[in-house]
Amino acid sequence: MAKRARRRLLIGLAVGVGVCFVSLYTVRAAVAEVYYIPVASMEPELPKGSRVLVYKLDDEYRRGQIVVYDTGIEKHVGRVEMVDMARRKLEVSRNGVMFIPVDIVDVIGRVVLNTR
C-alpha cells in the first residue's frame, strides 16, 4: 500500500511540475518577458545593467512610452516620440540618436517595470 501511495505522489508531483513549466513558458512567450539592458542607451531612466519587464500584449503606443523593439540583429530600447498608425510606424529616440523609424510589427512590447 505504501508503494502505491508513493507512486501516486510522485506522478502527481511530476504532473504539477510539468504544468508549472508549461504555464511559465506560455506567459513568458505571450504575455510578459524580462530583458536585460547591457548599454547606457536610455540613461538616466534605465541605467546600464537594468532589467525591464516588457508587456507584450499592448498594441497601442503613445508618445513618451518606453518600448523594446527588434532590429533583426538585436533588441533595443527606445522612447516613443511619434506614432503614425496610418503607416504602422513609430519613431523612437535613444540617447545620442533621435527619431529612429520602427515598424509596429517589430515592437516586442512596452516596458512596464524596471530595476535600477
PDB file of N, CA and C in Angstrom:
ATOM      1  N   MET A   1       0.818  -1.193   0.000  1.00  0.00           N
ATOM      2  CA  MET A   1       0.000   0.000   0.000  1.00  0.00           C
ATOM      3  C   MET A   1       0.859   1.253   0.000  1.00  0.00           C
ATOM      4  N   ALA A   2       1.973   1.243   0.726  1.00  0.00           N
ATOM      5  CA  ALA A   2       2.835   2.412   0.808  1.00  0.00           C
ATOM      6  C   ALA A   2       3.483   2.705  -0.550  1.00  0.00           C
ATOM      7  N   LYS A   3       3.809   1.642  -1.314  1.00  0.00           N
ATOM      8  CA  LYS A   3       4.402   1.854  -2.633  1.00  0.00           C
ATOM      9  C   LYS A   3       3.417   2.535  -3.574  1.00  0.00           C
ATOM     10  N   ARG A   4       2.168   2.137  -3.501  1.00  0.00           N
ATOM     11  CA  ARG A   4       1.139   2.722  -4.368  1.00  0.00           C
ATOM     12  C   ARG A   4       0.932   4.209  -4.035  1.00  0.00           C
ATOM     13  N   ALA A   5       0.907   4.555  -2.761  1.00  0.00           N
ATOM     14  CA  ALA A   5       0.734   5.944  -2.350  1.00  0.00           C
ATOM     15  C   ALA A   5       1.936   6.787  -2.773  1.00  0.00           C
ATOM     16  N   ARG A   6       3.118   6.234  -2.624  1.00  0.00           N
ATOM     17  CA  ARG A   6       4.324   6.948  -3.026  1.00  0.00           C
ATOM     18  C   ARG A   6       4.345   7.162  -4.542  1.00  0.00           C
ATOM     19  N   ARG A   7       3.924   6.159  -5.283  1.00  0.00           N
ATOM     20  CA  ARG A   7       3.879   6.271  -6.745  1.00  0.00           C
ATOM     21  C   ARG A   7       2.878   7.343  -7.178  1.00  0.00           C
ATOM     22  N   ARG A   8       1.705   7.366  -6.552  1.00  0.00           N
ATOM     23  CA  ARG A   8       0.716   8.399  -6.869  1.00  0.00           C
ATOM     24  C   ARG A   8       1.254   9.791  -6.550  1.00  0.00           C
ATOM     25  N   LEU A   9       1.937   9.913  -5.437  1.00  0.00           N
ATOM     26  CA  LEU A   9       2.521  11.188  -5.047  1.00  0.00           C
ATOM     27  C   LEU A   9       3.562  11.642  -6.066  1.00  0.00           C
ATOM     28  N   LEU A  10       4.433  10.755  -6.500  1.00  0.00           N
ATOM     29  CA  LEU A  10       5.454  11.111  -7.484  1.00  0.00           C
ATOM     30  C   LEU A  10       4.836  11.482  -8.831  1.00  0.00           C
ATOM     31  N   ILE A  11       3.820  10.758  -9.256  1.00  0.00           N
ATOM     32  CA  ILE A  11       3.141  11.079 -10.518  1.00  0.00           C
ATOM     33  C   ILE A  11       2.456  12.442 -10.408  1.00  0.00           C
ATOM     34  N   GLY A  12       1.778  12.678  -9.300  1.00  0.00           N
ATOM     35  CA  GLY A  12       1.131  13.977  -9.094  1.00  0.00           C
ATOM     36  C   GLY A  12       2.129  15.116  -9.075  1.00  0.00           C
ATOM     37  N   LEU A  13       3.271  14.888  -8.430  1.00  0.00           N
ATOM     38  CA  LEU A  13       4.322  15.900  -8.381  1.00  0.00           C
ATOM     39  C   LEU A  13       4.885  16.166  -9.772  1.00  0.00           C
ATOM     40  N   ALA A  14       5.122  15.119 -10.543  1.00  0.00           N
ATOM     41  CA  ALA A  14       5.648  15.279 -11.900  1.00  0.00           C
ATOM     42  C   ALA A  14       4.669  16.036 -12.786  1.00  0.00           C
ATOM     43  N   VAL A  15       3.389  15.711 -12.685  1.00  0.00           N
ATOM     44  CA  VAL A  15       2.372  16.416 -13.474  1.00  0.00           C
ATOM     45  C   VAL A  15       2.302  17.884 -13.055  1.00  0.00           C
ATOM     46  N   GLY A  16       2.342  18.157 -11.767  1.00  0.00           N
ATOM     47  CA  GLY A  16       2.302  19.531 -11.274  1.00  0.00           C
ATOM     48  C   GLY A  16       3.485  20.356 -11.751  1.00  0.00           C
ATOM     49  N   VAL A  17       4.675  19.787 -11.689  1.00  0.00           N
ATOM     50  CA  VAL A  17       5.876  20.487 -12.169  1.00  0.00           C
ATOM     51  C   VAL A  17       5.776  20.735 -13.670  1.00  0.00           C
ATOM     52  N   GLY A  18       5.291  19.761 -14.409  1.00  0.00           N
ATOM     53  CA  GLY A  18       5.117  19.921 -15.857  1.00  0.00           C
ATOM     54  C   GLY A  18       4.141  21.034 -16.194  1.00  0.00           C
ATOM     55  N   VAL A  19       3.020  21.084 -15.493  1.00  0.00           N
ATOM     56  CA  VAL A  19       2.027  22.143 -15.720  1.00  0.00           C
ATOM     57  C   VAL A  19       2.622  23.512 -15.387  1.00  0.00           C
ATOM     58  N   CYS A  20       3.406  23.603 -14.329  1.00  0.00           N
ATOM     59  CA  CYS A  20       4.052  24.872 -13.964  1.00  0.00           C
ATOM     60  C   CYS A  20       5.005  25.344 -15.055  1.00  0.00           C
ATOM     61  N   PHE A  21       5.822  24.443 -15.591  1.00  0.00           N
ATOM     62  CA  PHE A  21       6.760  24.827 -16.647  1.00  0.00           C
ATOM     63  C   PHE A  21       6.043  25.262 -17.914  1.00  0.00           C
ATOM     64  N   VAL A  22       5.011  24.550 -18.303  1.00  0.00           N
ATOM     65  CA  VAL A  22       4.251  24.931 -19.497  1.00  0.00           C
ATOM     66  C   VAL A  22       3.579  26.283 -19.288  1.00  0.00           C
ATOM     67  N   SER A  23       2.996  26.504 -18.124  1.00  0.00           N
ATOM     68  CA  SER A  23       2.351  27.784 -17.833  1.00  0.00           C
ATOM     69  C   SER A  23       3.362  28.925 -17.840  1.00  0.00           C
ATOM     70  N   LEU A  24       4.500  28.726 -17.223  1.00  0.00           N
ATOM     71  CA  LEU A  24       5.539  29.748 -17.171  1.00  0.00           C
ATOM     72  C   LEU A  24       6.045  30.081 -18.569  1.00  0.00           C
ATOM     73  N   TYR A  25       6.285  29.085 -19.390  1.00  0.00           N
ATOM     74  CA  TYR A  25       6.753  29.320 -20.752  1.00  0.00           C
ATOM     75  C   TYR A  25       5.706  30.068 -21.571  1.00  0.00           C
ATOM     76  N   THR A  26       4.437  29.713 -21.400  1.00  0.00           N
ATOM     77  CA  THR A  26       3.368  30.375 -22.141  1.00  0.00           C
ATOM     78  C   THR A  26       3.278  31.848 -21.758  1.00  0.00           C
ATOM     79  N   VAL A  27       3.340  32.142 -20.475  1.00  0.00           N
ATOM     80  CA  VAL A  27       3.290  33.538 -20.020  1.00  0.00           C
ATOM     81  C   VAL A  27       4.491  34.299 -20.551  1.00  0.00           C
ATOM     82  N   ARG A  28       5.663  33.701 -20.476  1.00  0.00           N
ATOM     83  CA  ARG A  28       6.875  34.372 -20.936  1.00  0.00           C
ATOM     84  C   ARG A  28       6.845  34.613 -22.442  1.00  0.00           C
ATOM     85  N   ALA A  29       6.346  33.680 -23.199  1.00  0.00           N
ATOM     86  CA  ALA A  29       6.343  33.816 -24.650  1.00  0.00           C
ATOM     87  C   ALA A  29       5.246  34.743 -25.150  1.00  0.00           C
ATOM     88  N   ALA A  30       4.123  34.823 -24.451  1.00  0.00           N
ATOM     89  CA  ALA A  30       2.978  35.551 -24.990  1.00  0.00           C
ATOM     90  C   ALA A  30       2.595  36.803 -24.223  1.00  0.00           C
ATOM     91  N   VAL A  31       2.878  36.889 -22.947  1.00  0.00           N
ATOM     92  CA  VAL A  31       2.346  37.989 -22.142  1.00  0.00           C
ATOM     93  C   VAL A  31       3.437  38.960 -21.694  1.00  0.00           C
ATOM     94  N   ALA A  32       4.448  38.488 -21.016  1.00  0.00           N
ATOM     95  CA  ALA A  32       5.474  39.375 -20.469  1.00  0.00           C
ATOM     96  C   ALA A  32       6.808  38.647 -20.403  1.00  0.00           C
ATOM     97  N   GLU A  33       7.884  39.422 -20.557  1.00  0.00           N
ATOM     98  CA  GLU A  33       9.216  38.837 -20.505  1.00  0.00           C
ATOM     99  C   GLU A  33      10.192  39.862 -19.936  1.00  0.00           C
ATOM    100  N   VAL A  34      11.248  39.376 -19.318  1.00  0.00           N
ATOM    101  CA  VAL A  34      12.265  40.242 -18.740  1.00  0.00           C
ATOM    102  C   VAL A  34      13.419  40.371 -19.734  1.00  0.00           C
ATOM    103  N   TYR A  35      13.881  41.612 -19.935  1.00  0.00           N
ATOM    104  CA  TYR A  35      15.030  41.879 -20.793  1.00  0.00           C
ATOM    105  C   TYR A  35      16.095  42.603 -19.990  1.00  0.00           C
ATOM    106  N   TYR A  36      17.334  42.353 -20.349  1.00  0.00           N
ATOM    107  CA  TYR A  36      18.496  42.975 -19.716  1.00  0.00           C
ATOM    108  C   TYR A  36      18.993  44.103 -20.611  1.00  0.00           C
ATOM    109  N   ILE A  37      19.344  45.246 -20.033  1.00  0.00           N
ATOM    110  CA  ILE A  37      19.852  46.386 -20.795  1.00  0.00           C
ATOM    111  C   ILE A  37      21.361  46.464 -20.575  1.00  0.00           C
ATOM    112  N   PRO A  38      22.163  46.015 -21.551  1.00  0.00           N
ATOM    113  CA  PRO A  38      23.611  45.965 -21.363  1.00  0.00           C
ATOM    114  C   PRO A  38      24.346  47.277 -21.635  1.00  0.00           C
ATOM    115  N   VAL A  39      23.665  48.260 -22.220  1.00  0.00           N
ATOM    116  CA  VAL A  39      24.323  49.521 -22.582  1.00  0.00           C
ATOM    117  C   VAL A  39      23.568  50.704 -21.983  1.00  0.00           C
ATOM    118  N   ALA A  40      24.175  51.884 -22.057  1.00  0.00           N
ATOM    119  CA  ALA A  40      23.590  53.089 -21.469  1.00  0.00           C
ATOM    120  C   ALA A  40      22.751  53.863 -22.480  1.00  0.00           C
ATOM    121  N   SER A  41      21.957  53.179 -23.287  1.00  0.00           N
ATOM    122  CA  SER A  41      21.208  53.838 -24.362  1.00  0.00           C
ATOM    123  C   SER A  41      19.996  54.612 -23.872  1.00  0.00           C
ATOM    124  N   MET A  42      19.518  54.345 -22.671  1.00  0.00           N
ATOM    125  CA  MET A  42      18.328  55.017 -22.161  1.00  0.00           C
ATOM    126  C   MET A  42      18.568  55.673 -20.801  1.00  0.00           C
ATOM    127  N   GLU A  43      19.805  55.996 -20.497  1.00  0.00           N
ATOM    128  CA  GLU A  43      20.070  56.668 -19.222  1.00  0.00           C
ATOM    129  C   GLU A  43      19.518  58.076 -19.258  1.00  0.00           C
ATOM    130  N   PRO A  44      19.045  58.640 -18.194  1.00  0.00           N
ATOM    131  CA  PRO A  44      19.078  58.173 -16.816  1.00  0.00           C
ATOM    132  C   PRO A  44      17.873  57.317 -16.424  1.00  0.00           C
ATOM    133  N   GLU A  45      16.838  57.215 -17.288  1.00  0.00           N
ATOM    134  CA  GLU A  45      15.645  56.443 -16.911  1.00  0.00           C
ATOM    135  C   GLU A  45      15.958  54.968 -16.679  1.00  0.00           C
ATOM    136  N   LEU A  46      16.725  54.387 -17.584  1.00  0.00           N
ATOM    137  CA  LEU A  46      17.094  52.980 -17.495  1.00  0.00           C
ATOM    138  C   LEU A  46      18.613  52.865 -17.541  1.00  0.00           C
ATOM    139  N   PRO A  47      19.266  52.832 -16.384  1.00  0.00           N
ATOM    140  CA  PRO A  47      20.733  52.760 -16.356  1.00  0.00           C
ATOM    141  C   PRO A  47      21.260  51.446 -16.937  1.00  0.00           C
ATOM    142  N   LYS A  48      22.489  51.477 -17.361  1.00  0.00           N
ATOM    143  CA  LYS A  48      23.165  50.282 -17.848  1.00  0.00           C
ATOM    144  C   LYS A  48      23.097  49.198 -16.787  1.00  0.00           C
ATOM    145  N   GLY A  49      22.753  47.990 -17.193  1.00  0.00           N
ATOM    146  CA  GLY A  49      22.646  46.878 -16.263  1.00  0.00           C
ATOM    147  C   GLY A  49      21.254  46.663 -15.696  1.00  0.00           C
ATOM    148  N   SER A  50      20.298  47.492 -16.083  1.00  0.00           N
ATOM    149  CA  SER A  50      18.922  47.336 -15.589  1.00  0.00           C
ATOM    150  C   SER A  50      18.253  46.132 -16.231  1.00  0.00           C
ATOM    151  N   ARG A  51      17.236  45.661 -15.578  1.00  0.00           N
ATOM    152  CA  ARG A  51      16.349  44.649 -16.151  1.00  0.00           C
ATOM    153  C   ARG A  51      14.971  45.269 -16.244  1.00  0.00           C
ATOM    154  N   VAL A  52      14.279  45.006 -17.362  1.00  0.00           N
ATOM    155  CA  VAL A  52      12.960  45.579 -17.572  1.00  0.00           C
ATOM    156  C   VAL A  52      11.955  44.467 -17.851  1.00  0.00           C
ATOM    157  N   LEU A  53      10.739  44.667 -17.353  1.00  0.00           N
ATOM    158  CA  LEU A  53       9.638  43.754 -17.638  1.00  0.00           C
ATOM    159  C   LEU A  53       8.855  44.349 -18.795  1.00  0.00           C
ATOM    160  N   VAL A  54       8.712  43.587 -19.861  1.00  0.00           N
ATOM    161  CA  VAL A  54       8.059  44.064 -21.079  1.00  0.00           C
ATOM    162  C   VAL A  54       6.721  43.355 -21.244  1.00  0.00           C
ATOM    163  N   TYR A  55       5.654  44.165 -21.327  1.00  0.00           N
ATOM    164  CA  TYR A  55       4.298  43.668 -21.540  1.00  0.00           C
ATOM    165  C   TYR A  55       4.069  43.556 -23.041  1.00  0.00           C
ATOM    166  N   LYS A  56       3.832  42.341 -23.534  1.00  0.00           N
ATOM    167  CA  LYS A  56       3.784  42.083 -24.967  1.00  0.00           C
ATOM    168  C   LYS A  56       2.409  42.223 -25.600  1.00  0.00           C
ATOM    169  N   LEU A  57       1.348  42.313 -24.820  1.00  0.00           N
ATOM    170  CA  LEU A  57       0.005  42.319 -25.386  1.00  0.00           C
ATOM    171  C   LEU A  57      -0.497  43.707 -25.766  1.00  0.00           C
ATOM    172  N   ASP A  58       0.294  44.726 -25.516  1.00  0.00           N
ATOM    173  CA  ASP A  58      -0.118  46.091 -25.827  1.00  0.00           C
ATOM    174  C   ASP A  58       0.043  46.336 -27.326  1.00  0.00           C
ATOM    175  N   ASP A  59      -0.968  46.897 -27.967  1.00  0.00           N
ATOM    176  CA  ASP A  59      -0.867  47.195 -29.398  1.00  0.00           C
ATOM    177  C   ASP A  59      -1.134  48.668 -29.699  1.00  0.00           C
ATOM    178  N   GLU A  60      -1.324  49.469 -28.658  1.00  0.00           N
ATOM    179  CA  GLU A  60      -1.486  50.907 -28.825  1.00  0.00           C
ATOM    180  C   GLU A  60      -0.366  51.598 -28.061  1.00  0.00           C
ATOM    181  N   TYR A  61       0.402  52.387 -28.788  1.00  0.00           N
ATOM    182  CA  TYR A  61       1.539  53.064 -28.184  1.00  0.00           C
ATOM    183  C   TYR A  61       1.315  54.564 -28.207  1.00  0.00           C
ATOM    184  N   ARG A  62       1.829  55.240 -27.180  1.00  0.00           N
ATOM    185  CA  ARG A  62       1.678  56.692 -27.050  1.00  0.00           C
ATOM    186  C   ARG A  62       3.049  57.324 -26.897  1.00  0.00           C
ATOM    187  N   ARG A  63       3.112  58.585 -27.226  1.00  0.00           N
ATOM    188  CA  ARG A  63       4.343  59.348 -27.089  1.00  0.00           C
ATOM    189  C   ARG A  63       4.787  59.315 -25.621  1.00  0.00           C
ATOM    190  N   GLY A  64       6.060  59.083 -25.408  1.00  0.00           N
ATOM    191  CA  GLY A  64       6.622  59.059 -24.067  1.00  0.00           C
ATOM    192  C   GLY A  64       6.806  57.665 -23.488  1.00  0.00           C
ATOM    193  N   GLN A  65       6.134  56.667 -24.046  1.00  0.00           N
ATOM    194  CA  GLN A  65       6.300  55.305 -23.541  1.00  0.00           C
ATOM    195  C   GLN A  65       7.657  54.749 -23.952  1.00  0.00           C
ATOM    196  N   ILE A  66       8.178  53.846 -23.148  1.00  0.00           N
ATOM    197  CA  ILE A  66       9.430  53.167 -23.462  1.00  0.00           C
ATOM    198  C   ILE A  66       9.073  51.788 -23.987  1.00  0.00           C
ATOM    199  N   VAL A  67       9.637  51.434 -25.153  1.00  0.00           N
ATOM    200  CA  VAL A  67       9.334  50.158 -25.794  1.00  0.00           C
ATOM    201  C   VAL A  67      10.623  49.405 -26.091  1.00  0.00           C
ATOM    202  N   VAL A  68      10.477  48.089 -26.240  1.00  0.00           N
ATOM    203  CA  VAL A  68      11.568  47.234 -26.707  1.00  0.00           C
ATOM    204  C   VAL A  68      11.199  46.808 -28.115  1.00  0.00           C
ATOM    205  N   TYR A  69      12.154  46.935 -29.045  1.00  0.00           N
ATOM    206  CA  TYR A  69      11.889  46.556 -30.426  1.00  0.00           C
ATOM    207  C   TYR A  69      13.048  45.736 -30.979  1.00  0.00           C
ATOM    208  N   ASP A  70      12.754  44.971 -32.007  1.00  0.00           N
ATOM    209  CA  ASP A  70      13.710  44.055 -32.612  1.00  0.00           C
ATOM    210  C   ASP A  70      14.172  44.624 -33.943  1.00  0.00           C
ATOM    211  N   THR A  71      15.483  44.758 -34.129  1.00  0.00           N
ATOM    212  CA  THR A  71      16.027  45.274 -35.378  1.00  0.00           C
ATOM    213  C   THR A  71      16.363  44.161 -36.362  1.00  0.00           C
ATOM    214  N   GLY A  72      16.177  42.927 -35.958  1.00  0.00           N
ATOM    215  CA  GLY A  72      16.578  41.798 -36.786  1.00  0.00           C
ATOM    216  C   GLY A  72      17.929  41.255 -36.363  1.00  0.00           C
ATOM    217  N   ILE A  73      18.758  42.110 -35.812  1.00  0.00           N
ATOM    218  CA  ILE A  73      20.083  41.708 -35.334  1.00  0.00           C
ATOM    219  C   ILE A  73      20.085  41.596 -33.823  1.00  0.00           C
ATOM    220  N   GLU A  74      19.501  42.604 -33.172  1.00  0.00           N
ATOM    221  CA  GLU A  74      19.416  42.604 -31.712  1.00  0.00           C
ATOM    222  C   GLU A  74      18.203  43.403 -31.266  1.00  0.00           C
ATOM    223  N   LYS A  75      17.932  43.346 -29.989  1.00  0.00           N
ATOM    224  CA  LYS A  75      16.788  44.072 -29.432  1.00  0.00           C
ATOM    225  C   LYS A  75      17.276  45.380 -28.817  1.00  0.00           C
ATOM    226  N   HIS A  76      16.463  46.443 -28.983  1.00  0.00           N
ATOM    227  CA  HIS A  76      16.818  47.753 -28.470  1.00  0.00           C
ATOM    228  C   HIS A  76      15.668  48.310 -27.640  1.00  0.00           C
ATOM    229  N   VAL A  77      16.004  49.294 -26.810  1.00  0.00           N
ATOM    230  CA  VAL A  77      15.023  50.002 -26.003  1.00  0.00           C
ATOM    231  C   VAL A  77      14.999  51.438 -26.481  1.00  0.00           C
ATOM    232  N   GLY A  78      13.798  52.018 -26.608  1.00  0.00           N
ATOM    233  CA  GLY A  78      13.696  53.400 -27.033  1.00  0.00           C
ATOM    234  C   GLY A  78      12.419  54.047 -26.518  1.00  0.00           C
ATOM    235  N   ARG A  79      12.410  55.377 -26.509  1.00  0.00           N
ATOM    236  CA  ARG A  79      11.235  56.142 -26.092  1.00  0.00           C
ATOM    237  C   ARG A  79      10.457  56.545 -27.332  1.00  0.00           C
ATOM    238  N   VAL A  80       9.139  56.315 -27.309  1.00  0.00           N
ATOM    239  CA  VAL A  80       8.281  56.663 -28.435  1.00  0.00           C
ATOM    240  C   VAL A  80       8.182  58.185 -28.535  1.00  0.00           C
ATOM    241  N   GLU A  81       8.534  58.719 -29.689  1.00  0.00           N
ATOM    242  CA  GLU A  81       8.455  60.156 -29.935  1.00  0.00           C
ATOM    243  C   GLU A  81       7.268  60.504 -30.830  1.00  0.00           C
ATOM    244  N   MET A  82       6.925  59.594 -31.756  1.00  0.00           N
ATOM    245  CA  MET A  82       5.817  59.845 -32.658  1.00  0.00           C
ATOM    246  C   MET A  82       5.184  58.524 -33.073  1.00  0.00           C
ATOM    247  N   VAL A  83       3.854  58.513 -33.179  1.00  0.00           N
ATOM    248  CA  VAL A  83       3.113  57.330 -33.598  1.00  0.00           C
ATOM    249  C   VAL A  83       2.385  57.673 -34.888  1.00  0.00           C
ATOM    250  N   ASP A  84       2.591  56.866 -35.924  1.00  0.00           N
ATOM    251  CA  ASP A  84       1.902  57.034 -37.200  1.00  0.00           C
ATOM    252  C   ASP A  84       1.144  55.744 -37.493  1.00  0.00           C
ATOM    253  N   MET A  85      -0.109  55.674 -37.038  1.00  0.00           N
ATOM    254  CA  MET A  85      -0.902  54.452 -37.200  1.00  0.00           C
ATOM    255  C   MET A  85      -1.274  54.206 -38.662  1.00  0.00           C
ATOM    256  N   ALA A  86      -1.341  55.252 -39.485  1.00  0.00           N
ATOM    257  CA  ALA A  86      -1.670  55.069 -40.896  1.00  0.00           C
ATOM    258  C   ALA A  86      -0.578  54.261 -41.595  1.00  0.00           C
ATOM    259  N   ARG A  87       0.673  54.544 -41.277  1.00  0.00           N
ATOM    260  CA  ARG A  87       1.793  53.801 -41.876  1.00  0.00           C
ATOM    261  C   ARG A  87       2.262  52.645 -40.992  1.00  0.00           C
ATOM    262  N   ARG A  88       1.647  52.499 -39.793  1.00  0.00           N
ATOM    263  CA  ARG A  88       2.013  51.454 -38.828  1.00  0.00           C
ATOM    264  C   ARG A  88       3.485  51.567 -38.431  1.00  0.00           C
ATOM    265  N   LYS A  89       3.902  52.806 -38.107  1.00  0.00           N
ATOM    266  CA  LYS A  89       5.281  53.057 -37.712  1.00  0.00           C
ATOM    267  C   LYS A  89       5.333  53.897 -36.448  1.00  0.00           C
ATOM    268  N   LEU A  90       6.416  53.703 -35.717  1.00  0.00           N
ATOM    269  CA  LEU A  90       6.750  54.542 -34.577  1.00  0.00           C
ATOM    270  C   LEU A  90       8.076  55.220 -34.887  1.00  0.00           C
ATOM    271  N   GLU A  91       8.292  56.350 -34.275  1.00  0.00           N
ATOM    272  CA  GLU A  91       9.623  56.940 -34.275  1.00  0.00           C
ATOM    273  C   GLU A  91      10.070  56.959 -32.825  1.00  0.00           C
ATOM    274  N   VAL A  92      11.220  56.357 -32.562  1.00  0.00           N
ATOM    275  CA  VAL A  92      11.725  56.251 -31.200  1.00  0.00           C
ATOM    276  C   VAL A  92      13.047  57.000 -31.095  1.00  0.00           C
ATOM    277  N   SER A  93      13.381  57.372 -29.880  1.00  0.00           N
ATOM    278  CA  SER A  93      14.666  58.029 -29.638  1.00  0.00           C
ATOM    279  C   SER A  93      15.431  57.250 -28.583  1.00  0.00           C
ATOM    280  N   ARG A  94      16.740  57.317 -28.714  1.00  0.00           N
ATOM    281  CA  ARG A  94      17.655  56.751 -27.729  1.00  0.00           C
ATOM    282  C   ARG A  94      18.705  57.803 -27.474  1.00  0.00           C
ATOM    283  N   ASN A  95      19.439  57.697 -26.399  1.00  0.00           N
ATOM    284  CA  ASN A  95      20.493  58.682 -26.109  1.00  0.00           C
ATOM    285  C   ASN A  95      21.453  58.763 -27.289  1.00  0.00           C
ATOM    286  N   GLY A  96      21.576  59.943 -27.846  1.00  0.00           N
ATOM    287  CA  GLY A  96      22.507  60.147 -28.944  1.00  0.00           C
ATOM    288  C   GLY A  96      21.910  59.955 -30.323  1.00  0.00           C
ATOM    289  N   VAL A  97      20.821  59.242 -30.455  1.00  0.00           N
ATOM    290  CA  VAL A  97      20.193  59.010 -31.751  1.00  0.00           C
ATOM    291  C   VAL A  97      18.719  59.356 -31.626  1.00  0.00           C
ATOM    292  N   MET A  98      18.264  60.299 -32.432  1.00  0.00           N
ATOM    293  CA  MET A  98      16.871  60.737 -32.344  1.00  0.00           C
ATOM    294  C   MET A  98      16.064  60.205 -33.521  1.00  0.00           C
ATOM    295  N   PHE A  99      14.830  59.919 -33.264  1.00  0.00           N
ATOM    296  CA  PHE A  99      13.836  59.590 -34.279  1.00  0.00           C
ATOM    297  C   PHE A  99      14.262  58.456 -35.199  1.00  0.00           C
ATOM    298  N   ILE A 100      14.363  57.282 -34.632  1.00  0.00           N
ATOM    299  CA  ILE A 100      14.650  56.070 -35.387  1.00  0.00           C
ATOM    300  C   ILE A 100      13.306  55.484 -35.815  1.00  0.00           C
ATOM    301  N   PRO A 101      13.061  55.283 -37.124  1.00  0.00           N
ATOM    302  CA  PRO A 101      11.786  54.708 -37.544  1.00  0.00           C
ATOM    303  C   PRO A 101      11.737  53.212 -37.226  1.00  0.00           C
ATOM    304  N   VAL A 102      10.618  52.765 -36.644  1.00  0.00           N
ATOM    305  CA  VAL A 102      10.433  51.363 -36.269  1.00  0.00           C
ATOM    306  C   VAL A 102       9.041  50.934 -36.711  1.00  0.00           C
ATOM    307  N   ASP A 103       8.951  49.811 -37.426  1.00  0.00           N
ATOM    308  CA  ASP A 103       7.642  49.253 -37.772  1.00  0.00           C
ATOM    309  C   ASP A 103       6.978  48.736 -36.501  1.00  0.00           C
ATOM    310  N   ILE A 104       5.688  48.927 -36.392  1.00  0.00           N
ATOM    311  CA  ILE A 104       4.968  48.471 -35.196  1.00  0.00           C
ATOM    312  C   ILE A 104       5.061  46.953 -35.040  1.00  0.00           C
ATOM    313  N   VAL A 105       5.163  46.222 -36.148  1.00  0.00           N
ATOM    314  CA  VAL A 105       5.283  44.764 -36.047  1.00  0.00           C
ATOM    315  C   VAL A 105       6.609  44.344 -35.422  1.00  0.00           C
ATOM    316  N   ASP A 106       7.613  45.232 -35.434  1.00  0.00           N
ATOM    317  CA  ASP A 106       8.910  44.919 -34.832  1.00  0.00           C
ATOM    318  C   ASP A 106       8.970  45.254 -33.345  1.00  0.00           C
ATOM    319  N   VAL A 107       7.932  45.915 -32.830  1.00  0.00           N
ATOM    320  CA  VAL A 107       7.900  46.257 -31.407  1.00  0.00           C
ATOM    321  C   VAL A 107       7.518  45.010 -30.616  1.00  0.00           C
ATOM    322  N   ILE A 108       8.357  44.650 -29.669  1.00  0.00           N
ATOM    323  CA  ILE A 108       8.098  43.483 -28.828  1.00  0.00           C
ATOM    324  C   ILE A 108       7.075  43.819 -27.766  1.00  0.00           C
ATOM    325  N   GLY A 109       7.201  44.995 -27.171  1.00  0.00           N
ATOM    326  CA  GLY A 109       6.248  45.398 -26.147  1.00  0.00           C
ATOM    327  C   GLY A 109       6.672  46.655 -25.427  1.00  0.00           C
ATOM    328  N   ARG A 110       5.857  47.009 -24.443  1.00  0.00           N
ATOM    329  CA  ARG A 110       6.029  48.235 -23.666  1.00  0.00           C
ATOM    330  C   ARG A 110       6.656  47.897 -22.315  1.00  0.00           C
ATOM    331  N   VAL A 111       7.628  48.695 -21.897  1.00  0.00           N
ATOM    332  CA  VAL A 111       8.276  48.498 -20.602  1.00  0.00           C
ATOM    333  C   VAL A 111       7.295  48.938 -19.515  1.00  0.00           C
ATOM    334  N   VAL A 112       7.011  48.036 -18.583  1.00  0.00           N
ATOM    335  CA  VAL A 112       6.075  48.344 -17.504  1.00  0.00           C
ATOM    336  C   VAL A 112       6.739  48.380 -16.137  1.00  0.00           C
ATOM    337  N   LEU A 113       7.954  47.845 -16.030  1.00  0.00           N
ATOM    338  CA  LEU A 113       8.639  47.798 -14.742  1.00  0.00           C
ATOM    339  C   LEU A 113      10.137  47.711 -15.006  1.00  0.00           C
ATOM    340  N   ASN A 114      10.925  48.393 -14.183  1.00  0.00           N
ATOM    341  CA  ASN A 114      12.371  48.273 -14.348  1.00  0.00           C
ATOM    342  C   ASN A 114      13.057  48.233 -12.991  1.00  0.00           C
ATOM    343  N   THR A 115      14.287  47.714 -13.017  1.00  0.00           N
ATOM    344  CA  THR A 115      15.127  47.687 -11.810  1.00  0.00           C
ATOM    345  C   THR A 115      16.258  48.670 -12.034  1.00  0.00           C
ATOM    346  N   ARG A 116      16.742  49.215 -10.966  1.00  0.00           N
ATOM    347  CA  ARG A 116      17.876  50.138 -11.098  1.00  0.00           C
ATOM    348  C   ARG A 116      19.009  49.697 -10.234  1.00  0.00           C
TER     349      ARG A 116
END
